[in-house]
């Protein structure tokens, strides 16, 4: 949600090809996605512990609800049809600190197609190799290359030395 409450043109500026404008906005930010996301991270829970400087496999599965259609160019969900999302070679899974503020704040990432393997259950996984991480709380995000769309977010988990 985005509301604009007050817009002002600053006519006192004389050295510009246009007059600057400022505005006061209200933006609603969700602490977690408002609806289920189509990518589910498996085996990542609040009790999960990664060990710094070790390889860690990340298992994930596409799980789109039958009554939702995802429209990446609209950044919205519409209750209409089931769609199958095909991973793009530029989709990626990023590792983030628990309190990240932007999808650009990733500590490490793996592209899906280059690193993905599929197990017997139809779940895919990628491997993060020997990351030197500070102890703390982290989470994983699945990002579609289409407009940097968030398709999955893991629970917070621990990294220990």
C-alpha atoms as a PDB file:
ATOM      1  CA  UNK A   1       0.000   0.000   0.000  1.00  0.00           C
ATOM      2  CA  UNK A   2       1.293   3.456  -0.913  1.00  0.00           C
ATOM      3  CA  UNK A   3      -0.493   6.719  -0.061  1.00  0.00           C
ATOM      4  CA  UNK A   4       0.701  10.211  -0.929  1.00  0.00           C
ATOM      5  CA  UNK A   5      -0.444  12.785   1.625  1.00  0.00           C
ATOM      6  CA  UNK A   6       1.253  16.040   0.777  1.00  0.00           C
ATOM      7  CA  UNK A   7       3.097  17.284  -2.317  1.00  0.00           C
ATOM      8  CA  UNK A   8       4.967  20.604  -2.511  1.00  0.00           C
ATOM      9  CA  UNK A   9       6.576  22.334  -5.480  1.00  0.00           C
ATOM     10  CA  UNK A  10       9.687  24.302  -4.452  1.00  0.00           C
ATOM     11  CA  UNK A  11       9.420  27.375  -6.685  1.00  0.00           C
ATOM     12  CA  UNK A  12      12.235  29.234  -4.920  1.00  0.00           C
ATOM     13  CA  UNK A  13      14.910  27.215  -6.769  1.00  0.00           C
ATOM     14  CA  UNK A  14      16.156  29.341  -9.672  1.00  0.00           C
ATOM     15  CA  UNK A  15      19.067  27.318 -11.142  1.00  0.00           C
ATOM     16  CA  UNK A  16      17.247  24.317 -12.535  1.00  0.00           C
ATOM     17  CA  UNK A  17      15.546  23.267 -15.754  1.00  0.00           C
ATOM     18  CA  UNK A  18      12.629  22.061 -13.624  1.00  0.00           C
ATOM     19  CA  UNK A  19      11.288  22.905 -10.179  1.00  0.00           C
ATOM     20  CA  UNK A  20      11.908  20.269  -7.474  1.00  0.00           C
ATOM     21  CA  UNK A  21       8.942  18.579  -5.829  1.00  0.00           C
ATOM     22  CA  UNK A  22       8.767  16.775  -2.491  1.00  0.00           C
ATOM     23  CA  UNK A  23       6.024  14.613  -1.037  1.00  0.00           C
ATOM     24  CA  UNK A  24       5.055  12.822   2.162  1.00  0.00           C
ATOM     25  CA  UNK A  25       4.203   9.129   1.666  1.00  0.00           C
ATOM     26  CA  UNK A  26       2.873   6.313   3.804  1.00  0.00           C
ATOM     27  CA  UNK A  27       4.187   2.896   2.783  1.00  0.00           C
ATOM     28  CA  UNK A  28       2.927  -0.374   4.236  1.00  0.00           C
ATOM     29  CA  UNK A  29       5.751  -2.866   4.728  1.00  0.00           C
ATOM     30  CA  UNK A  30       5.081  -6.453   5.692  1.00  0.00           C
ATOM     31  CA  UNK A  31       7.278  -8.186   8.250  1.00  0.00           C
ATOM     32  CA  UNK A  32       6.543 -11.394   6.351  1.00  0.00           C
ATOM     33  CA  UNK A  33       4.913 -11.988   2.974  1.00  0.00           C
ATOM     34  CA  UNK A  34       1.123 -11.482   3.135  1.00  0.00           C
ATOM     35  CA  UNK A  35       0.408 -14.747   1.314  1.00  0.00           C
ATOM     36  CA  UNK A  36       2.173 -18.073   0.842  1.00  0.00           C
ATOM     37  CA  UNK A  37       5.073 -17.829  -1.574  1.00  0.00           C
ATOM     38  CA  UNK A  38       5.520 -20.478  -4.297  1.00  0.00           C
ATOM     39  CA  UNK A  39       8.981 -21.670  -3.230  1.00  0.00           C
ATOM     40  CA  UNK A  40       9.243 -23.582   0.023  1.00  0.00           C
ATOM     41  CA  UNK A  41      12.595 -24.215   1.693  1.00  0.00           C
ATOM     42  CA  UNK A  42      12.771 -27.714   3.163  1.00  0.00           C
ATOM     43  CA  UNK A  43      14.714 -28.722   6.273  1.00  0.00           C
ATOM     44  CA  UNK A  44      15.280 -25.083   7.301  1.00  0.00           C
ATOM     45  CA  UNK A  45      13.672 -24.397  10.687  1.00  0.00           C
ATOM     46  CA  UNK A  46      14.429 -22.252  13.698  1.00  0.00           C
ATOM     47  CA  UNK A  47      16.430 -25.195  15.111  1.00  0.00           C
ATOM     48  CA  UNK A  48      18.577 -25.563  11.947  1.00  0.00           C
ATOM     49  CA  UNK A  49      22.278 -24.888  12.500  1.00  0.00           C
ATOM     50  CA  UNK A  50      24.789 -24.266   9.745  1.00  0.00           C
ATOM     51  CA  UNK A  51      28.472 -24.494  10.565  1.00  0.00           C
ATOM     52  CA  UNK A  52      30.682 -21.735   9.208  1.00  0.00           C
ATOM     53  CA  UNK A  53      33.252 -22.878   6.603  1.00  0.00           C
ATOM     54  CA  UNK A  54      31.309 -26.052   5.717  1.00  0.00           C
ATOM     55  CA  UNK A  55      29.304 -26.948   2.619  1.00  0.00           C
ATOM     56  CA  UNK A  56      25.560 -26.626   3.181  1.00  0.00           C
ATOM     57  CA  UNK A  57      22.858 -28.028   0.889  1.00  0.00           C
ATOM     58  CA  UNK A  58      19.681 -25.980   0.478  1.00  0.00           C
ATOM     59  CA  UNK A  59      16.600 -28.013  -0.504  1.00  0.00           C
ATOM     60  CA  UNK A  60      13.593 -26.243  -1.991  1.00  0.00           C
ATOM     61  CA  UNK A  61      10.383 -27.062  -3.820  1.00  0.00           C
ATOM     62  CA  UNK A  62       7.930 -25.125  -5.978  1.00  0.00           C
ATOM     63  CA  UNK A  63       4.568 -25.239  -4.247  1.00  0.00           C
ATOM     64  CA  UNK A  64       2.059 -22.962  -5.984  1.00  0.00           C
ATOM     65  CA  UNK A  65      -1.449 -23.173  -4.538  1.00  0.00           C
ATOM     66  CA  UNK A  66      -4.101 -24.363  -7.026  1.00  0.00           C
ATOM     67  CA  UNK A  67      -6.180 -21.197  -6.740  1.00  0.00           C
ATOM     68  CA  UNK A  68      -3.419 -18.636  -7.234  1.00  0.00           C
ATOM     69  CA  UNK A  69      -1.937 -17.235 -10.396  1.00  0.00           C
ATOM     70  CA  UNK A  70       1.377 -15.456 -10.145  1.00  0.00           C
ATOM     71  CA  UNK A  71       1.880 -12.493 -12.448  1.00  0.00           C
ATOM     72  CA  UNK A  72       5.523 -11.424 -12.105  1.00  0.00           C
ATOM     73  CA  UNK A  73       5.085  -8.255 -14.129  1.00  0.00           C
ATOM     74  CA  UNK A  74       2.247  -7.114 -11.843  1.00  0.00           C
ATOM     75  CA  UNK A  75       3.977  -7.982  -8.534  1.00  0.00           C
ATOM     76  CA  UNK A  76       0.666  -9.342  -7.285  1.00  0.00           C
ATOM     77  CA  UNK A  77      -1.317 -12.515  -6.740  1.00  0.00           C
ATOM     78  CA  UNK A  78      -4.739 -13.095  -8.275  1.00  0.00           C
ATOM     79  CA  UNK A  79      -7.098 -15.930  -7.275  1.00  0.00           C
ATOM     80  CA  UNK A  80      -7.701 -17.463 -10.709  1.00  0.00           C
ATOM     81  CA  UNK A  81      -5.632 -20.352 -12.019  1.00  0.00           C
ATOM     82  CA  UNK A  82      -2.828 -22.683 -11.148  1.00  0.00           C
ATOM     83  CA  UNK A  83       0.364 -21.907 -13.030  1.00  0.00           C
ATOM     84  CA  UNK A  84       3.616 -23.767 -13.165  1.00  0.00           C
ATOM     85  CA  UNK A  85       6.647 -21.578 -12.623  1.00  0.00           C
ATOM     86  CA  UNK A  86       9.672 -22.634 -14.618  1.00  0.00           C
ATOM     87  CA  UNK A  87      12.937 -21.622 -12.980  1.00  0.00           C
ATOM     88  CA  UNK A  88      15.028 -19.319 -15.096  1.00  0.00           C
ATOM     89  CA  UNK A  89      18.789 -19.753 -15.418  1.00  0.00           C
ATOM     90  CA  UNK A  90      19.202 -16.379 -13.721  1.00  0.00           C
ATOM     91  CA  UNK A  91      16.999 -17.185 -10.676  1.00  0.00           C
ATOM     92  CA  UNK A  92      19.061 -17.395  -7.513  1.00  0.00           C
ATOM     93  CA  UNK A  93      19.007 -18.244  -3.823  1.00  0.00           C
ATOM     94  CA  UNK A  94      20.621 -15.676  -1.584  1.00  0.00           C
ATOM     95  CA  UNK A  95      21.871 -15.937   1.990  1.00  0.00           C
ATOM     96  CA  UNK A  96      20.957 -12.963   4.185  1.00  0.00           C
ATOM     97  CA  UNK A  97      21.359 -11.810   7.762  1.00  0.00           C
ATOM     98  CA  UNK A  98      18.072 -12.109   9.663  1.00  0.00           C
ATOM     99  CA  UNK A  99      17.482  -8.341   9.694  1.00  0.00           C
ATOM    100  CA  UNK A 100      18.318  -7.587   6.036  1.00  0.00           C
ATOM    101  CA  UNK A 101      16.688  -4.503   4.498  1.00  0.00           C
ATOM    102  CA  UNK A 102      17.001  -5.107   0.753  1.00  0.00           C
ATOM    103  CA  UNK A 103      17.395  -8.042  -1.610  1.00  0.00           C
ATOM    104  CA  UNK A 104      20.696  -6.401  -2.541  1.00  0.00           C
ATOM    105  CA  UNK A 105      22.028  -7.179   0.979  1.00  0.00           C
ATOM    106  CA  UNK A 106      22.873 -10.810   0.196  1.00  0.00           C
ATOM    107  CA  UNK A 107      26.015 -12.248   1.751  1.00  0.00           C
ATOM    108  CA  UNK A 108      26.292 -15.042  -0.808  1.00  0.00           C
ATOM    109  CA  UNK A 109      24.169 -16.460  -3.620  1.00  0.00           C
ATOM    110  CA  UNK A 110      23.901 -19.437  -5.958  1.00  0.00           C
ATOM    111  CA  UNK A 111      22.254 -19.361  -9.391  1.00  0.00           C
ATOM    112  CA  UNK A 112      19.584 -22.060  -9.633  1.00  0.00           C
ATOM    113  CA  UNK A 113      20.328 -23.700 -12.980  1.00  0.00           C
ATOM    114  CA  UNK A 114      24.093 -23.719 -12.561  1.00  0.00           C
ATOM    115  CA  UNK A 115      23.995 -25.235  -9.096  1.00  0.00           C
ATOM    116  CA  UNK A 116      20.660 -27.058  -8.852  1.00  0.00           C
ATOM    117  CA  UNK A 117      20.357 -30.805  -8.548  1.00  0.00           C
ATOM    118  CA  UNK A 118      17.112 -32.760  -8.107  1.00  0.00           C
ATOM    119  CA  UNK A 119      16.587 -35.548  -5.587  1.00  0.00           C
ATOM    120  CA  UNK A 120      14.229 -38.535  -5.821  1.00  0.00           C
ATOM    121  CA  UNK A 121      11.328 -36.596  -4.216  1.00  0.00           C
ATOM    122  CA  UNK A 122      11.288 -33.993  -6.991  1.00  0.00           C
ATOM    123  CA  UNK A 123      12.861 -31.389  -4.743  1.00  0.00           C
ATOM    124  CA  UNK A 124      15.782 -29.374  -5.989  1.00  0.00           C
ATOM    125  CA  UNK A 125      18.850 -28.384  -4.058  1.00  0.00           C
ATOM    126  CA  UNK A 126      21.892 -26.191  -4.401  1.00  0.00           C
ATOM    127  CA  UNK A 127      25.066 -26.127  -2.349  1.00  0.00           C
ATOM    128  CA  UNK A 128      26.676 -23.164  -0.661  1.00  0.00           C
ATOM    129  CA  UNK A 129      30.400 -23.944  -0.534  1.00  0.00           C
ATOM    130  CA  UNK A 130      32.573 -23.247   2.519  1.00  0.00           C
ATOM    131  CA  UNK A 131      31.226 -19.833   3.472  1.00  0.00           C
ATOM    132  CA  UNK A 132      33.116 -18.037   6.206  1.00  0.00           C
ATOM    133  CA  UNK A 133      30.164 -16.655   8.154  1.00  0.00           C
ATOM    134  CA  UNK A 134      29.952 -14.824  11.444  1.00  0.00           C
ATOM    135  CA  UNK A 135      27.850 -16.636  14.046  1.00  0.00           C
ATOM    136  CA  UNK A 136      24.294 -15.327  14.092  1.00  0.00           C
ATOM    137  CA  UNK A 137      20.858 -15.611  12.577  1.00  0.00           C
ATOM    138  CA  UNK A 138      20.335 -15.870   8.825  1.00  0.00           C
ATOM    139  CA  UNK A 139      17.669 -16.689   6.251  1.00  0.00           C
ATOM    140  CA  UNK A 140      17.477 -17.716   2.592  1.00  0.00           C
ATOM    141  CA  UNK A 141      15.535 -16.014  -0.211  1.00  0.00           C
ATOM    142  CA  UNK A 142      14.620 -17.411  -3.615  1.00  0.00           C
ATOM    143  CA  UNK A 143      14.711 -14.522  -6.089  1.00  0.00           C
ATOM    144  CA  UNK A 144      13.328 -14.679  -9.633  1.00  0.00           C
ATOM    145  CA  UNK A 145      15.320 -12.792 -12.230  1.00  0.00           C
ATOM    146  CA  UNK A 146      12.046 -11.288 -13.417  1.00  0.00           C
ATOM    147  CA  UNK A 147      12.144  -7.857 -11.749  1.00  0.00           C
ATOM    148  CA  UNK A 148      13.962  -9.329  -8.722  1.00  0.00           C
ATOM    149  CA  UNK A 149      10.713 -10.916  -7.520  1.00  0.00           C
ATOM    150  CA  UNK A 150      10.753 -12.683  -4.151  1.00  0.00           C
ATOM    151  CA  UNK A 151       9.384 -16.231  -4.612  1.00  0.00           C
ATOM    152  CA  UNK A 152      10.492 -17.841  -1.350  1.00  0.00           C
ATOM    153  CA  UNK A 153      11.815 -16.985   2.089  1.00  0.00           C
ATOM    154  CA  UNK A 154      13.095 -19.425   4.692  1.00  0.00           C
ATOM    155  CA  UNK A 155      12.633 -19.423   8.413  1.00  0.00           C
ATOM    156  CA  UNK A 156      15.445 -17.841  10.393  1.00  0.00           C
ATOM    157  CA  UNK A 157      18.251 -20.282  11.264  1.00  0.00           C
ATOM    158  CA  UNK A 158      21.536 -20.207  13.190  1.00  0.00           C
ATOM    159  CA  UNK A 159      25.106 -20.193  11.927  1.00  0.00           C
ATOM    160  CA  UNK A 160      27.694 -21.375  14.446  1.00  0.00           C
ATOM    161  CA  UNK A 161      31.496 -21.664  14.359  1.00  0.00           C
END
